[in-house]
Amino acid sequence: MCLAIPGRVKKIFNDHTAEIEIGGIIKRASLDLIPKVEVGEYVLLHAGFAIEVINQIEALKIFEAWEGKID
């Protein structure tokens, strides 16, 4: 099992990497596994790679669960 963290794509670079915002923190991640992602979309991050595009509702549910707002 792996842990993947949702984040929002803020900027995409020509080297197939992107700036991803996770709770106000900006991290750089590889887009090699999902090259068609666009700025503003939410992705799941694992070990420095964006591994899947998710919708905003899914991302927000994960954030709420982490904050203990939902069961």
PDB file of N, CA and C in Angstrom:
ATOM      1  N   MET A   1       0.841  -1.161   0.000  1.00  0.00           N
ATOM      2  CA  MET A   1       0.000   0.000   0.000  1.00  0.00           C
ATOM      3  C   MET A   1       0.895   1.236   0.000  1.00  0.00           C
ATOM      4  N   CYS A   2       0.422   2.288  -0.698  1.00  0.00           N
ATOM      5  CA  CYS A   2       1.203   3.524  -0.720  1.00  0.00           C
ATOM      6  C   CYS A   2       0.340   4.684  -0.238  1.00  0.00           C
ATOM      7  N   LEU A   3       0.996   5.725   0.175  1.00  0.00           N
ATOM      8  CA  LEU A   3       0.316   6.941   0.584  1.00  0.00           C
ATOM      9  C   LEU A   3       0.491   7.965  -0.522  1.00  0.00           C
ATOM     10  N   ALA A   4      -0.605   8.479  -1.039  1.00  0.00           N
ATOM     11  CA  ALA A   4      -0.567   9.522  -2.062  1.00  0.00           C
ATOM     12  C   ALA A   4      -1.251  10.760  -1.496  1.00  0.00           C
ATOM     13  N   ILE A   5      -0.675  11.910  -1.763  1.00  0.00           N
ATOM     14  CA  ILE A   5      -1.154  13.171  -1.212  1.00  0.00           C
ATOM     15  C   ILE A   5      -1.717  14.024  -2.343  1.00  0.00           C
ATOM     16  N   PRO A   6      -2.920  14.604  -2.171  1.00  0.00           N
ATOM     17  CA  PRO A   6      -3.458  15.460  -3.220  1.00  0.00           C
ATOM     18  C   PRO A   6      -2.813  16.846  -3.201  1.00  0.00           C
ATOM     19  N   GLY A   7      -2.690  17.415  -4.366  1.00  0.00           N
ATOM     20  CA  GLY A   7      -2.166  18.772  -4.503  1.00  0.00           C
ATOM     21  C   GLY A   7      -2.668  19.388  -5.790  1.00  0.00           C
ATOM     22  N   ARG A   8      -2.582  20.711  -5.880  1.00  0.00           N
ATOM     23  CA  ARG A   8      -3.064  21.441  -7.057  1.00  0.00           C
ATOM     24  C   ARG A   8      -1.880  21.911  -7.892  1.00  0.00           C
ATOM     25  N   VAL A   9      -1.945  21.672  -9.194  1.00  0.00           N
ATOM     26  CA  VAL A   9      -0.881  22.071 -10.112  1.00  0.00           C
ATOM     27  C   VAL A   9      -0.900  23.590 -10.265  1.00  0.00           C
ATOM     28  N   LYS A  10       0.218  24.227  -9.911  1.00  0.00           N
ATOM     29  CA  LYS A  10       0.324  25.690  -9.988  1.00  0.00           C
ATOM     30  C   LYS A  10       1.068  26.157 -11.234  1.00  0.00           C
ATOM     31  N   LYS A  11       2.085  25.400 -11.657  1.00  0.00           N
ATOM     32  CA  LYS A  11       2.925  25.789 -12.789  1.00  0.00           C
ATOM     33  C   LYS A  11       3.517  24.529 -13.393  1.00  0.00           C
ATOM     34  N   ILE A  12       3.607  24.503 -14.729  1.00  0.00           N
ATOM     35  CA  ILE A  12       4.203  23.365 -15.422  1.00  0.00           C
ATOM     36  C   ILE A  12       5.444  23.839 -16.165  1.00  0.00           C
ATOM     37  N   PHE A  13       6.516  23.054 -16.059  1.00  0.00           N
ATOM     38  CA  PHE A  13       7.791  23.384 -16.701  1.00  0.00           C
ATOM     39  C   PHE A  13       8.025  22.471 -17.904  1.00  0.00           C
ATOM     40  N   ASN A  14       8.902  22.879 -18.791  1.00  0.00           N
ATOM     41  CA  ASN A  14       9.193  22.125 -20.015  1.00  0.00           C
ATOM     42  C   ASN A  14       9.873  20.795 -19.775  1.00  0.00           C
ATOM     43  N   ASP A  15      10.437  20.584 -18.611  1.00  0.00           N
ATOM     44  CA  ASP A  15      11.137  19.326 -18.335  1.00  0.00           C
ATOM     45  C   ASP A  15      10.219  18.264 -17.707  1.00  0.00           C
ATOM     46  N   HIS A  16       8.910  18.398 -17.929  1.00  0.00           N
ATOM     47  CA  HIS A  16       7.909  17.456 -17.416  1.00  0.00           C
ATOM     48  C   HIS A  16       7.841  17.442 -15.899  1.00  0.00           C
ATOM     49  N   THR A  17       8.070  18.612 -15.298  1.00  0.00           N
ATOM     50  CA  THR A  17       7.885  18.749 -13.861  1.00  0.00           C
ATOM     51  C   THR A  17       6.883  19.876 -13.627  1.00  0.00           C
ATOM     52  N   ALA A  18       6.394  19.949 -12.405  1.00  0.00           N
ATOM     53  CA  ALA A  18       5.417  20.981 -12.065  1.00  0.00           C
ATOM     54  C   ALA A  18       5.586  21.420 -10.627  1.00  0.00           C
ATOM     55  N   GLU A  19       5.136  22.642 -10.350  1.00  0.00           N
ATOM     56  CA  GLU A  19       4.993  23.101  -8.972  1.00  0.00           C
ATOM     57  C   GLU A  19       3.601  22.688  -8.528  1.00  0.00           C
ATOM     58  N   ILE A  20       3.545  21.978  -7.402  1.00  0.00           N
ATOM     59  CA  ILE A  20       2.290  21.476  -6.855  1.00  0.00           C
ATOM     60  C   ILE A  20       2.098  22.082  -5.477  1.00  0.00           C
ATOM     61  N   GLU A  21       0.910  22.652  -5.231  1.00  0.00           N
ATOM     62  CA  GLU A  21       0.601  23.220  -3.915  1.00  0.00           C
ATOM     63  C   GLU A  21      -0.123  22.189  -3.071  1.00  0.00           C
ATOM     64  N   ILE A  22       0.423  21.965  -1.889  1.00  0.00           N
ATOM     65  CA  ILE A  22      -0.157  21.029  -0.925  1.00  0.00           C
ATOM     66  C   ILE A  22      -0.323  21.774   0.386  1.00  0.00           C
ATOM     67  N   GLY A  23      -1.534  22.173   0.692  1.00  0.00           N
ATOM     68  CA  GLY A  23      -1.786  22.872   1.949  1.00  0.00           C
ATOM     69  C   GLY A  23      -0.952  24.124   2.131  1.00  0.00           C
ATOM     70  N   GLY A  24      -0.746  24.888   1.073  1.00  0.00           N
ATOM     71  CA  GLY A  24       0.015  26.127   1.152  1.00  0.00           C
ATOM     72  C   GLY A  24       1.513  25.959   0.928  1.00  0.00           C
ATOM     73  N   ILE A  25       1.985  24.729   0.812  1.00  0.00           N
ATOM     74  CA  ILE A  25       3.397  24.449   0.565  1.00  0.00           C
ATOM     75  C   ILE A  25       3.562  24.079  -0.905  1.00  0.00           C
ATOM     76  N   ILE A  26       4.593  24.623  -1.549  1.00  0.00           N
ATOM     77  CA  ILE A  26       4.859  24.328  -2.952  1.00  0.00           C
ATOM     78  C   ILE A  26       5.976  23.293  -3.052  1.00  0.00           C
ATOM     79  N   LYS A  27       5.702  22.216  -3.775  1.00  0.00           N
ATOM     80  CA  LYS A  27       6.682  21.159  -4.032  1.00  0.00           C
ATOM     81  C   LYS A  27       6.820  20.983  -5.538  1.00  0.00           C
ATOM     82  N   ARG A  28       7.978  20.533  -5.964  1.00  0.00           N
ATOM     83  CA  ARG A  28       8.190  20.234  -7.378  1.00  0.00           C
ATOM     84  C   ARG A  28       8.061  18.726  -7.556  1.00  0.00           C
ATOM     85  N   ALA A  29       7.327  18.305  -8.610  1.00  0.00           N
ATOM     86  CA  ALA A  29       7.085  16.881  -8.841  1.00  0.00           C
ATOM     87  C   ALA A  29       7.161  16.560 -10.323  1.00  0.00           C
ATOM     88  N   SER A  30       7.477  15.319 -10.618  1.00  0.00           N
ATOM     89  CA  SER A  30       7.549  14.840 -11.993  1.00  0.00           C
ATOM     90  C   SER A  30       6.146  14.587 -12.541  1.00  0.00           C
ATOM     91  N   LEU A  31       5.961  14.928 -13.820  1.00  0.00           N
ATOM     92  CA  LEU A  31       4.703  14.649 -14.512  1.00  0.00           C
ATOM     93  C   LEU A  31       4.865  13.516 -15.530  1.00  0.00           C
ATOM     94  N   ASP A  32       5.955  12.777 -15.450  1.00  0.00           N
ATOM     95  CA  ASP A  32       6.224  11.727 -16.422  1.00  0.00           C
ATOM     96  C   ASP A  32       5.113  10.685 -16.508  1.00  0.00           C
ATOM     97  N   LEU A  33       4.409  10.424 -15.419  1.00  0.00           N
ATOM     98  CA  LEU A  33       3.368   9.401 -15.419  1.00  0.00           C
ATOM     99  C   LEU A  33       2.014   9.912 -15.905  1.00  0.00           C
ATOM    100  N   ILE A  34       1.813  11.232 -15.876  1.00  0.00           N
ATOM    101  CA  ILE A  34       0.556  11.830 -16.362  1.00  0.00           C
ATOM    102  C   ILE A  34       0.873  13.120 -17.134  1.00  0.00           C
ATOM    103  N   PRO A  35       1.441  12.999 -18.328  1.00  0.00           N
ATOM    104  CA  PRO A  35       1.931  14.168 -19.058  1.00  0.00           C
ATOM    105  C   PRO A  35       0.852  15.142 -19.546  1.00  0.00           C
ATOM    106  N   LYS A  36      -0.423  14.768 -19.548  1.00  0.00           N
ATOM    107  CA  LYS A  36      -1.457  15.649 -20.075  1.00  0.00           C
ATOM    108  C   LYS A  36      -2.166  16.475 -19.008  1.00  0.00           C
ATOM    109  N   VAL A  37      -1.612  16.546 -17.839  1.00  0.00           N
ATOM    110  CA  VAL A  37      -2.200  17.333 -16.756  1.00  0.00           C
ATOM    111  C   VAL A  37      -2.083  18.820 -17.080  1.00  0.00           C
ATOM    112  N   GLU A  38      -3.023  19.629 -16.572  1.00  0.00           N
ATOM    113  CA  GLU A  38      -3.036  21.063 -16.828  1.00  0.00           C
ATOM    114  C   GLU A  38      -2.979  21.847 -15.524  1.00  0.00           C
ATOM    115  N   VAL A  39      -2.528  23.087 -15.620  1.00  0.00           N
ATOM    116  CA  VAL A  39      -2.495  23.989 -14.464  1.00  0.00           C
ATOM    117  C   VAL A  39      -3.912  24.115 -13.906  1.00  0.00           C
ATOM    118  N   GLY A  40      -4.011  24.047 -12.588  1.00  0.00           N
ATOM    119  CA  GLY A  40      -5.304  24.154 -11.910  1.00  0.00           C
ATOM    120  C   GLY A  40      -5.919  22.820 -11.546  1.00  0.00           C
ATOM    121  N   GLU A  41      -5.461  21.741 -12.185  1.00  0.00           N
ATOM    122  CA  GLU A  41      -5.995  20.427 -11.862  1.00  0.00           C
ATOM    123  C   GLU A  41      -5.379  19.901 -10.568  1.00  0.00           C
ATOM    124  N   TYR A  42      -6.084  18.966  -9.948  1.00  0.00           N
ATOM    125  CA  TYR A  42      -5.588  18.300  -8.744  1.00  0.00           C
ATOM    126  C   TYR A  42      -5.000  16.956  -9.122  1.00  0.00           C
ATOM    127  N   VAL A  43      -3.902  16.609  -8.475  1.00  0.00           N
ATOM    128  CA  VAL A  43      -3.232  15.338  -8.725  1.00  0.00           C
ATOM    129  C   VAL A  43      -2.909  14.662  -7.404  1.00  0.00           C
ATOM    130  N   LEU A  44      -2.693  13.360  -7.471  1.00  0.00           N
ATOM    131  CA  LEU A  44      -2.182  12.621  -6.323  1.00  0.00           C
ATOM    132  C   LEU A  44      -0.679  12.494  -6.492  1.00  0.00           C
ATOM    133  N   LEU A  45       0.066  12.799  -5.424  1.00  0.00           N
ATOM    134  CA  LEU A  45       1.526  12.734  -5.440  1.00  0.00           C
ATOM    135  C   LEU A  45       2.008  11.567  -4.592  1.00  0.00           C
ATOM    136  N   HIS A  46       3.024  10.875  -5.131  1.00  0.00           N
ATOM    137  CA  HIS A  46       3.661   9.791  -4.393  1.00  0.00           C
ATOM    138  C   HIS A  46       5.131   9.756  -4.778  1.00  0.00           C
ATOM    139  N   ALA A  47       5.992   9.876  -3.796  1.00  0.00           N
ATOM    140  CA  ALA A  47       7.446   9.753  -3.984  1.00  0.00           C
ATOM    141  C   ALA A  47       7.980  10.675  -5.076  1.00  0.00           C
ATOM    142  N   GLY A  48       7.465  11.904  -5.127  1.00  0.00           N
ATOM    143  CA  GLY A  48       7.967  12.885  -6.083  1.00  0.00           C
ATOM    144  C   GLY A  48       7.349  12.815  -7.468  1.00  0.00           C
ATOM    145  N   PHE A  49       6.353  11.947  -7.649  1.00  0.00           N
ATOM    146  CA  PHE A  49       5.680  11.798  -8.932  1.00  0.00           C
ATOM    147  C   PHE A  49       4.188  12.086  -8.791  1.00  0.00           C
ATOM    148  N   ALA A  50       3.625  12.810  -9.753  1.00  0.00           N
ATOM    149  CA  ALA A  50       2.179  12.923  -9.861  1.00  0.00           C
ATOM    150  C   ALA A  50       1.722  11.624 -10.514  1.00  0.00           C
ATOM    151  N   ILE A  51       0.841  10.884  -9.842  1.00  0.00           N
ATOM    152  CA  ILE A  51       0.483   9.551 -10.335  1.00  0.00           C
ATOM    153  C   ILE A  51      -0.936   9.461 -10.896  1.00  0.00           C
ATOM    154  N   GLU A  52      -1.788  10.454 -10.593  1.00  0.00           N
ATOM    155  CA  GLU A  52      -3.164  10.397 -11.072  1.00  0.00           C
ATOM    156  C   GLU A  52      -3.797  11.778 -10.963  1.00  0.00           C
ATOM    157  N   VAL A  53      -4.624  12.122 -11.939  1.00  0.00           N
ATOM    158  CA  VAL A  53      -5.411  13.348 -11.867  1.00  0.00           C
ATOM    159  C   VAL A  53      -6.700  13.007 -11.127  1.00  0.00           C
ATOM    160  N   ILE A  54      -7.089  13.861 -10.175  1.00  0.00           N
ATOM    161  CA  ILE A  54      -8.350  13.671  -9.457  1.00  0.00           C
ATOM    162  C   ILE A  54      -9.152  14.962  -9.560  1.00  0.00           C
ATOM    163  N   ASN A  55     -10.455  14.862  -9.307  1.00  0.00           N
ATOM    164  CA  ASN A  55     -11.252  16.087  -9.370  1.00  0.00           C
ATOM    165  C   ASN A  55     -11.189  16.837  -8.044  1.00  0.00           C
ATOM    166  N   GLN A  56     -11.606  18.078  -8.080  1.00  0.00           N
ATOM    167  CA  GLN A  56     -11.506  18.955  -6.910  1.00  0.00           C
ATOM    168  C   GLN A  56     -12.307  18.416  -5.730  1.00  0.00           C
ATOM    169  N   ILE A  57     -13.455  17.834  -5.985  1.00  0.00           N
ATOM    170  CA  ILE A  57     -14.292  17.314  -4.903  1.00  0.00           C
ATOM    171  C   ILE A  57     -13.568  16.197  -4.158  1.00  0.00           C
ATOM    172  N   GLU A  58     -12.927  15.284  -4.899  1.00  0.00           N
ATOM    173  CA  GLU A  58     -12.162  14.212  -4.256  1.00  0.00           C
ATOM    174  C   GLU A  58     -11.032  14.782  -3.406  1.00  0.00           C
ATOM    175  N   ALA A  59     -10.312  15.761  -3.963  1.00  0.00           N
ATOM    176  CA  ALA A  59      -9.194  16.371  -3.235  1.00  0.00           C
ATOM    177  C   ALA A  59      -9.683  17.024  -1.950  1.00  0.00           C
ATOM    178  N   LEU A  60     -10.782  17.765  -2.022  1.00  0.00           N
ATOM    179  CA  LEU A  60     -11.307  18.445  -0.837  1.00  0.00           C
ATOM    180  C   LEU A  60     -11.785  17.458   0.218  1.00  0.00           C
ATOM    181  N   LYS A  61     -12.355  16.335  -0.214  1.00  0.00           N
ATOM    182  CA  LYS A  61     -12.774  15.304   0.752  1.00  0.00           C
ATOM    183  C   LYS A  61     -11.573  14.741   1.504  1.00  0.00           C
ATOM    184  N   ILE A  62     -10.471  14.542   0.794  1.00  0.00           N
ATOM    185  CA  ILE A  62      -9.260  14.036   1.443  1.00  0.00           C
ATOM    186  C   ILE A  62      -8.734  15.050   2.454  1.00  0.00           C
ATOM    187  N   PHE A  63      -8.700  16.341   2.069  1.00  0.00           N
ATOM    188  CA  PHE A  63      -8.240  17.383   2.985  1.00  0.00           C
ATOM    189  C   PHE A  63      -9.124  17.432   4.235  1.00  0.00           C
ATOM    190  N   GLU A  64     -10.448  17.340   4.052  1.00  0.00           N
ATOM    191  CA  GLU A  64     -11.377  17.371   5.192  1.00  0.00           C
ATOM    192  C   GLU A  64     -11.153  16.164   6.111  1.00  0.00           C
ATOM    193  N   ALA A  65     -10.907  15.012   5.537  1.00  0.00           N
ATOM    194  CA  ALA A  65     -10.664  13.811   6.342  1.00  0.00           C
ATOM    195  C   ALA A  65      -9.402  13.984   7.189  1.00  0.00           C
ATOM    196  N   TRP A  66      -8.360  14.546   6.590  1.00  0.00           N
ATOM    197  CA  TRP A  66      -7.123  14.795   7.342  1.00  0.00           C
ATOM    198  C   TRP A  66      -7.347  15.741   8.507  1.00  0.00           C
ATOM    199  N   GLU A  67      -8.226  16.720   8.298  1.00  0.00           N
ATOM    200  CA  GLU A  67      -8.502  17.703   9.350  1.00  0.00           C
ATOM    201  C   GLU A  67      -9.508  17.179  10.373  1.00  0.00           C
ATOM    202  N   GLY A  68     -10.022  15.976  10.160  1.00  0.00           N
ATOM    203  CA  GLY A  68     -10.966  15.382  11.098  1.00  0.00           C
ATOM    204  C   GLY A  68     -12.367  15.924  10.971  1.00  0.00           C
ATOM    205  N   LYS A  69     -12.694  16.525   9.834  1.00  0.00           N
ATOM    206  CA  LYS A  69     -14.030  17.096   9.648  1.00  0.00           C
ATOM    207  C   LYS A  69     -15.041  16.080   9.146  1.00  0.00           C
ATOM    208  N   ILE A  70     -14.576  14.945   8.618  1.00  0.00           N
ATOM    209  CA  ILE A  70     -15.489  13.891   8.197  1.00  0.00           C
ATOM    210  C   ILE A  70     -14.963  12.555   8.713  1.00  0.00           C
ATOM    211  N   ASP A  71     -15.857  11.579   8.790  1.00  0.00           N
ATOM    212  CA  ASP A  71     -15.468  10.227   9.243  1.00  0.00           C
ATOM    213  C   ASP A  71     -15.019   9.400   8.066  1.00  0.00           C
TER     214      ASP A  71
END
